[in-house]
Amino acid sequence: MMIAVIIEEALLNLGCIVVGPVGKLDAALRLAGEEALDAAILDVNIRGGKSFPVAERLQARGVPFALASGYGDWALPAAFQNQPRLTKPFTVQDLEERVRALTSGSPCAASGPAALPLPA
């Protein structure tokens, strides 16, 4: 949970409106299907399984996202091996750079909400 708080604080400092963090798969799926999101950071591991169904839902909606994972490509489904990634452990600077890339360089305040479904 401490890592999720640090990530949330970093996103808030960028001017993002943070939706989450979400620690359970069912809640993350609901959020991914219903919330207005400009970008998302998904931890691959989430209570209830892996976050790949959430990633699929975001892809279907056209919401850009990055996977936070310490796994290499070998552990990801083929559909997500080229997905932007935050490799664990990552720094706040890495997070900020990835969020800017997901939002086409726009500061979060201009682009709106960011999702943060991460495990607690």
N, C-alpha and C. Protein backbone atom coordinates (compact mmCIF):
# COMPACT_ATOMS: atom_id res chain seq x y z
N MET A 1 0.82 -1.19 0.00
CA MET A 1 0.00 0.00 0.00
C MET A 1 0.87 1.26 0.00
N MET A 2 2.02 1.17 0.66
CA MET A 2 2.91 2.33 0.73
C MET A 2 3.34 2.77 -0.66
N ILE A 3 3.64 1.81 -1.53
CA ILE A 3 4.05 2.14 -2.89
C ILE A 3 2.91 2.84 -3.63
N ALA A 4 1.70 2.36 -3.46
CA ALA A 4 0.54 2.98 -4.12
C ALA A 4 0.38 4.42 -3.66
N VAL A 5 0.62 4.70 -2.39
CA VAL A 5 0.51 6.07 -1.87
C VAL A 5 1.58 6.95 -2.49
N ILE A 6 2.79 6.46 -2.61
CA ILE A 6 3.87 7.23 -3.22
C ILE A 6 3.56 7.53 -4.68
N ILE A 7 3.05 6.53 -5.39
CA ILE A 7 2.69 6.73 -6.80
C ILE A 7 1.56 7.75 -6.92
N GLU A 8 0.56 7.61 -6.06
CA GLU A 8 -0.56 8.56 -6.10
C GLU A 8 -0.07 9.98 -5.84
N GLU A 9 0.81 10.16 -4.86
CA GLU A 9 1.35 11.48 -4.56
C GLU A 9 2.11 12.05 -5.75
N ALA A 10 2.91 11.22 -6.42
CA ALA A 10 3.66 11.68 -7.59
C ALA A 10 2.72 12.14 -8.69
N LEU A 11 1.64 11.39 -8.91
CA LEU A 11 0.67 11.76 -9.94
C LEU A 11 -0.07 13.04 -9.56
N LEU A 12 -0.41 13.18 -8.30
CA LEU A 12 -1.07 14.41 -7.85
C LEU A 12 -0.15 15.61 -8.04
N ASN A 13 1.15 15.43 -7.78
CA ASN A 13 2.12 16.50 -7.98
C ASN A 13 2.23 16.91 -9.45
N LEU A 14 1.92 15.98 -10.35
CA LEU A 14 1.91 16.29 -11.78
C LEU A 14 0.63 17.02 -12.20
N GLY A 15 -0.34 17.07 -11.30
CA GLY A 15 -1.61 17.70 -11.61
C GLY A 15 -2.67 16.72 -12.07
N CYS A 16 -2.40 15.43 -11.91
CA CYS A 16 -3.37 14.41 -12.32
C CYS A 16 -4.53 14.34 -11.34
N ILE A 17 -5.67 13.96 -11.85
CA ILE A 17 -6.79 13.56 -11.02
C ILE A 17 -6.70 12.05 -10.94
N VAL A 18 -6.42 11.52 -9.78
CA VAL A 18 -6.16 10.10 -9.63
C VAL A 18 -7.45 9.36 -9.30
N VAL A 19 -7.73 8.32 -10.06
CA VAL A 19 -8.87 7.44 -9.82
C VAL A 19 -8.29 6.14 -9.30
N GLY A 20 -8.40 5.90 -8.03
CA GLY A 20 -7.80 4.73 -7.44
C GLY A 20 -6.92 5.16 -6.28
N PRO A 21 -6.02 4.32 -5.82
CA PRO A 21 -5.70 3.01 -6.35
C PRO A 21 -6.79 1.98 -6.09
N VAL A 22 -6.78 0.96 -6.90
CA VAL A 22 -7.73 -0.14 -6.79
C VAL A 22 -6.92 -1.40 -6.53
N GLY A 23 -7.29 -2.15 -5.49
CA GLY A 23 -6.50 -3.30 -5.12
C GLY A 23 -7.08 -4.64 -5.50
N LYS A 24 -8.31 -4.66 -6.03
CA LYS A 24 -8.94 -5.94 -6.37
C LYS A 24 -9.35 -5.95 -7.84
N LEU A 25 -9.24 -7.12 -8.44
CA LEU A 25 -9.52 -7.27 -9.86
C LEU A 25 -10.93 -6.84 -10.24
N ASP A 26 -11.94 -7.25 -9.47
CA ASP A 26 -13.31 -6.90 -9.83
C ASP A 26 -13.54 -5.39 -9.80
N ALA A 27 -12.97 -4.71 -8.83
CA ALA A 27 -13.10 -3.25 -8.75
C ALA A 27 -12.35 -2.58 -9.91
N ALA A 28 -11.18 -3.10 -10.27
CA ALA A 28 -10.41 -2.55 -11.37
C ALA A 28 -11.15 -2.73 -12.70
N LEU A 29 -11.79 -3.88 -12.88
CA LEU A 29 -12.58 -4.12 -14.09
C LEU A 29 -13.74 -3.14 -14.20
N ARG A 30 -14.40 -2.91 -13.08
CA ARG A 30 -15.52 -1.97 -13.07
C ARG A 30 -15.03 -0.56 -13.42
N LEU A 31 -13.95 -0.14 -12.79
CA LEU A 31 -13.39 1.18 -13.04
C LEU A 31 -12.97 1.32 -14.51
N ALA A 32 -12.31 0.30 -15.05
CA ALA A 32 -11.84 0.33 -16.44
C ALA A 32 -12.98 0.40 -17.43
N GLY A 33 -14.15 -0.09 -17.04
CA GLY A 33 -15.29 -0.07 -17.94
C GLY A 33 -16.18 1.14 -17.80
N GLU A 34 -16.13 1.83 -16.65
CA GLU A 34 -17.09 2.88 -16.38
C GLU A 34 -16.52 4.27 -16.23
N GLU A 35 -15.29 4.41 -15.76
CA GLU A 35 -14.71 5.73 -15.49
C GLU A 35 -14.20 6.40 -16.77
N ALA A 36 -14.26 7.72 -16.78
CA ALA A 36 -13.63 8.50 -17.85
C ALA A 36 -12.14 8.57 -17.51
N LEU A 37 -11.31 7.91 -18.30
CA LEU A 37 -9.88 7.82 -18.04
C LEU A 37 -9.09 8.30 -19.24
N ASP A 38 -8.02 9.01 -18.95
CA ASP A 38 -7.12 9.42 -20.02
C ASP A 38 -5.92 8.49 -20.13
N ALA A 39 -5.56 7.83 -19.04
CA ALA A 39 -4.43 6.91 -19.02
C ALA A 39 -4.52 6.07 -17.76
N ALA A 40 -3.78 4.97 -17.75
CA ALA A 40 -3.78 4.09 -16.57
C ALA A 40 -2.41 3.45 -16.39
N ILE A 41 -2.09 3.20 -15.14
CA ILE A 41 -0.92 2.41 -14.77
C ILE A 41 -1.48 1.16 -14.10
N LEU A 42 -1.17 0.00 -14.66
CA LEU A 42 -1.69 -1.27 -14.13
C LEU A 42 -0.55 -2.12 -13.60
N ASP A 43 -0.63 -2.50 -12.35
CA ASP A 43 0.30 -3.49 -11.85
C ASP A 43 -0.17 -4.83 -12.40
N VAL A 44 0.74 -5.63 -12.90
CA VAL A 44 0.36 -6.93 -13.48
C VAL A 44 -0.31 -7.81 -12.43
N ASN A 45 0.21 -7.80 -11.21
CA ASN A 45 -0.37 -8.60 -10.14
C ASN A 45 -1.35 -7.75 -9.35
N ILE A 46 -2.56 -8.28 -9.20
CA ILE A 46 -3.60 -7.59 -8.43
C ILE A 46 -4.38 -8.65 -7.68
N ARG A 47 -4.89 -8.31 -6.52
CA ARG A 47 -5.67 -9.30 -5.77
C ARG A 47 -6.81 -9.81 -6.63
N GLY A 48 -6.87 -11.11 -6.77
CA GLY A 48 -7.89 -11.73 -7.62
C GLY A 48 -7.32 -12.23 -8.92
N GLY A 49 -6.01 -12.03 -9.16
CA GLY A 49 -5.40 -12.53 -10.38
C GLY A 49 -4.43 -11.55 -11.00
N LYS A 50 -4.36 -11.59 -12.29
CA LYS A 50 -3.52 -10.68 -13.07
C LYS A 50 -4.42 -9.59 -13.64
N SER A 51 -3.85 -8.46 -13.98
CA SER A 51 -4.64 -7.32 -14.46
C SER A 51 -4.89 -7.35 -15.98
N PHE A 52 -4.59 -8.46 -16.64
CA PHE A 52 -4.75 -8.52 -18.09
C PHE A 52 -6.20 -8.30 -18.55
N PRO A 53 -7.22 -8.79 -17.83
CA PRO A 53 -8.59 -8.47 -18.26
C PRO A 53 -8.88 -6.96 -18.18
N VAL A 54 -8.28 -6.29 -17.23
CA VAL A 54 -8.42 -4.83 -17.12
C VAL A 54 -7.75 -4.17 -18.32
N ALA A 55 -6.56 -4.66 -18.67
CA ALA A 55 -5.84 -4.13 -19.83
C ALA A 55 -6.66 -4.32 -21.11
N GLU A 56 -7.29 -5.47 -21.25
CA GLU A 56 -8.12 -5.72 -22.44
C GLU A 56 -9.29 -4.74 -22.50
N ARG A 57 -9.90 -4.48 -21.37
CA ARG A 57 -11.03 -3.54 -21.33
C ARG A 57 -10.57 -2.13 -21.69
N LEU A 58 -9.39 -1.73 -21.17
CA LEU A 58 -8.86 -0.40 -21.50
C LEU A 58 -8.52 -0.31 -22.99
N GLN A 59 -7.92 -1.36 -23.54
CA GLN A 59 -7.61 -1.38 -24.97
C GLN A 59 -8.87 -1.21 -25.79
N ALA A 60 -9.94 -1.91 -25.42
CA ALA A 60 -11.20 -1.84 -26.16
C ALA A 60 -11.78 -0.43 -26.13
N ARG A 61 -11.51 0.30 -25.06
CA ARG A 61 -12.01 1.67 -24.93
C ARG A 61 -11.05 2.70 -25.50
N GLY A 62 -9.85 2.26 -25.90
CA GLY A 62 -8.86 3.19 -26.44
C GLY A 62 -8.14 4.01 -25.39
N VAL A 63 -8.09 3.50 -24.15
CA VAL A 63 -7.41 4.19 -23.06
C VAL A 63 -5.96 3.71 -23.01
N PRO A 64 -4.99 4.62 -23.16
CA PRO A 64 -3.59 4.20 -23.09
C PRO A 64 -3.22 3.79 -21.66
N PHE A 65 -2.34 2.80 -21.55
CA PHE A 65 -1.93 2.33 -20.24
C PHE A 65 -0.53 1.76 -20.30
N ALA A 66 0.08 1.68 -19.14
CA ALA A 66 1.38 1.03 -18.99
C ALA A 66 1.24 -0.05 -17.94
N LEU A 67 1.98 -1.12 -18.12
CA LEU A 67 2.01 -2.21 -17.15
C LEU A 67 3.19 -2.01 -16.21
N ALA A 68 2.93 -2.05 -14.93
CA ALA A 68 3.99 -2.01 -13.93
C ALA A 68 4.31 -3.45 -13.56
N SER A 69 5.55 -3.85 -13.84
CA SER A 69 5.89 -5.25 -13.64
C SER A 69 7.40 -5.45 -13.53
N GLY A 70 7.75 -6.42 -12.75
CA GLY A 70 9.15 -6.85 -12.69
C GLY A 70 9.40 -8.02 -13.62
N TYR A 71 8.33 -8.50 -14.26
CA TYR A 71 8.45 -9.64 -15.18
C TYR A 71 9.03 -9.20 -16.52
N GLY A 72 9.71 -10.12 -17.17
CA GLY A 72 10.17 -9.89 -18.53
C GLY A 72 9.07 -10.22 -19.52
N ASP A 73 9.34 -10.01 -20.79
CA ASP A 73 8.35 -10.30 -21.84
C ASP A 73 7.83 -11.74 -21.77
N TRP A 74 8.69 -12.67 -21.37
CA TRP A 74 8.31 -14.08 -21.34
C TRP A 74 7.10 -14.34 -20.45
N ALA A 75 6.86 -13.49 -19.46
CA ALA A 75 5.77 -13.72 -18.51
C ALA A 75 4.47 -13.01 -18.91
N LEU A 76 4.52 -12.24 -19.97
CA LEU A 76 3.34 -11.49 -20.41
C LEU A 76 2.69 -12.17 -21.60
N PRO A 77 1.37 -12.09 -21.70
CA PRO A 77 0.71 -12.61 -22.90
C PRO A 77 1.23 -11.87 -24.14
N ALA A 78 1.25 -12.54 -25.25
CA ALA A 78 1.77 -11.96 -26.49
C ALA A 78 1.12 -10.61 -26.80
N ALA A 79 -0.15 -10.46 -26.49
CA ALA A 79 -0.87 -9.22 -26.79
C ALA A 79 -0.32 -8.02 -26.02
N PHE A 80 0.42 -8.27 -24.92
CA PHE A 80 0.90 -7.16 -24.09
C PHE A 80 2.41 -7.05 -24.04
N GLN A 81 3.12 -7.85 -24.81
CA GLN A 81 4.57 -7.81 -24.75
C GLN A 81 5.17 -6.51 -25.27
N ASN A 82 4.46 -5.80 -26.13
CA ASN A 82 4.96 -4.52 -26.63
C ASN A 82 4.29 -3.33 -25.96
N GLN A 83 3.51 -3.61 -24.92
CA GLN A 83 2.81 -2.55 -24.20
C GLN A 83 3.81 -1.71 -23.41
N PRO A 84 3.61 -0.39 -23.35
CA PRO A 84 4.50 0.42 -22.49
C PRO A 84 4.55 -0.17 -21.09
N ARG A 85 5.72 -0.08 -20.48
CA ARG A 85 5.92 -0.72 -19.20
C ARG A 85 6.73 0.15 -18.26
N LEU A 86 6.42 0.03 -17.00
CA LEU A 86 7.25 0.55 -15.92
C LEU A 86 7.89 -0.67 -15.28
N THR A 87 9.17 -0.82 -15.43
CA THR A 87 9.86 -1.99 -14.90
C THR A 87 10.18 -1.78 -13.43
N LYS A 88 9.70 -2.69 -12.61
CA LYS A 88 9.95 -2.62 -11.16
C LYS A 88 11.37 -3.05 -10.86
N PRO A 89 12.00 -2.41 -9.94
CA PRO A 89 11.55 -1.21 -9.26
C PRO A 89 11.73 0.00 -10.18
N PHE A 90 10.79 0.94 -10.11
CA PHE A 90 10.91 2.16 -10.90
C PHE A 90 10.92 3.37 -9.99
N THR A 91 11.44 4.47 -10.52
CA THR A 91 11.54 5.70 -9.74
C THR A 91 10.34 6.60 -10.03
N VAL A 92 10.18 7.62 -9.23
CA VAL A 92 9.14 8.61 -9.47
C VAL A 92 9.38 9.28 -10.83
N GLN A 93 10.64 9.52 -11.17
CA GLN A 93 10.96 10.11 -12.47
C GLN A 93 10.53 9.18 -13.60
N ASP A 94 10.76 7.88 -13.47
CA ASP A 94 10.30 6.92 -14.48
C ASP A 94 8.79 6.99 -14.63
N LEU A 95 8.08 7.07 -13.52
CA LEU A 95 6.62 7.17 -13.54
C LEU A 95 6.18 8.43 -14.26
N GLU A 96 6.78 9.55 -13.91
CA GLU A 96 6.41 10.83 -14.53
C GLU A 96 6.64 10.78 -16.04
N GLU A 97 7.78 10.23 -16.46
CA GLU A 97 8.08 10.13 -17.90
C GLU A 97 7.06 9.24 -18.61
N ARG A 98 6.68 8.14 -17.99
CA ARG A 98 5.73 7.23 -18.61
C ARG A 98 4.36 7.88 -18.71
N VAL A 99 3.93 8.59 -17.67
CA VAL A 99 2.62 9.26 -17.70
C VAL A 99 2.61 10.33 -18.79
N ARG A 100 3.68 11.09 -18.90
CA ARG A 100 3.76 12.11 -19.97
C ARG A 100 3.69 11.45 -21.35
N ALA A 101 4.35 10.31 -21.51
CA ALA A 101 4.31 9.61 -22.79
C ALA A 101 2.89 9.09 -23.07
N LEU A 102 2.22 8.58 -22.06
CA LEU A 102 0.85 8.06 -22.25
C LEU A 102 -0.13 9.17 -22.59
N THR A 103 0.12 10.36 -22.07
CA THR A 103 -0.79 11.49 -22.30
C THR A 103 -0.25 12.43 -23.37
N SER A 104 0.61 11.92 -24.23
CA SER A 104 1.20 12.69 -25.33
C SER A 104 1.91 13.95 -24.86
N GLY A 105 2.55 13.88 -23.70
CA GLY A 105 3.34 14.98 -23.19
C GLY A 105 2.55 16.05 -22.48
N SER A 106 1.23 15.95 -22.51
CA SER A 106 0.41 16.96 -21.85
C SER A 106 0.47 16.75 -20.35
N PRO A 107 0.52 17.83 -19.59
CA PRO A 107 0.44 17.66 -18.14
C PRO A 107 -0.93 17.08 -17.79
N CYS A 108 -0.98 16.30 -16.74
CA CYS A 108 -2.23 15.65 -16.35
C CYS A 108 -3.36 16.64 -16.16
N ALA A 109 -3.07 17.81 -15.61
CA ALA A 109 -4.14 18.76 -15.34
C ALA A 109 -4.88 19.14 -16.60
N ALA A 110 -4.17 19.13 -17.72
CA ALA A 110 -4.82 19.47 -18.99
C ALA A 110 -5.55 18.29 -19.58
N SER A 111 -5.08 17.07 -19.27
CA SER A 111 -5.65 15.91 -19.91
C SER A 111 -6.70 15.18 -19.07
N GLY A 112 -6.74 15.44 -17.78
CA GLY A 112 -7.79 14.88 -16.96
C GLY A 112 -7.38 13.68 -16.13
N PRO A 113 -8.32 12.80 -15.82
CA PRO A 113 -8.07 11.72 -14.87
C PRO A 113 -7.04 10.71 -15.32
N ALA A 114 -6.39 10.12 -14.37
CA ALA A 114 -5.50 8.98 -14.60
C ALA A 114 -5.92 7.89 -13.66
N ALA A 115 -5.91 6.68 -14.12
CA ALA A 115 -6.28 5.54 -13.27
C ALA A 115 -5.06 4.97 -12.61
N LEU A 116 -5.25 4.35 -11.48
CA LEU A 116 -4.14 3.75 -10.78
C LEU A 116 -4.56 2.44 -10.14
N PRO A 117 -4.96 1.43 -10.92
CA PRO A 117 -5.29 0.15 -10.31
C PRO A 117 -4.03 -0.61 -9.92
N LEU A 118 -3.66 -0.52 -8.68
CA LEU A 118 -2.49 -1.20 -8.16
C LEU A 118 -2.89 -2.03 -6.96
N PRO A 119 -2.13 -3.08 -6.67
CA PRO A 119 -2.47 -3.88 -5.50
C PRO A 119 -2.18 -3.13 -4.23
N ALA A 120 -2.91 -3.46 -3.20
CA ALA A 120 -2.68 -2.84 -1.90
C ALA A 120 -1.68 -3.64 -1.11
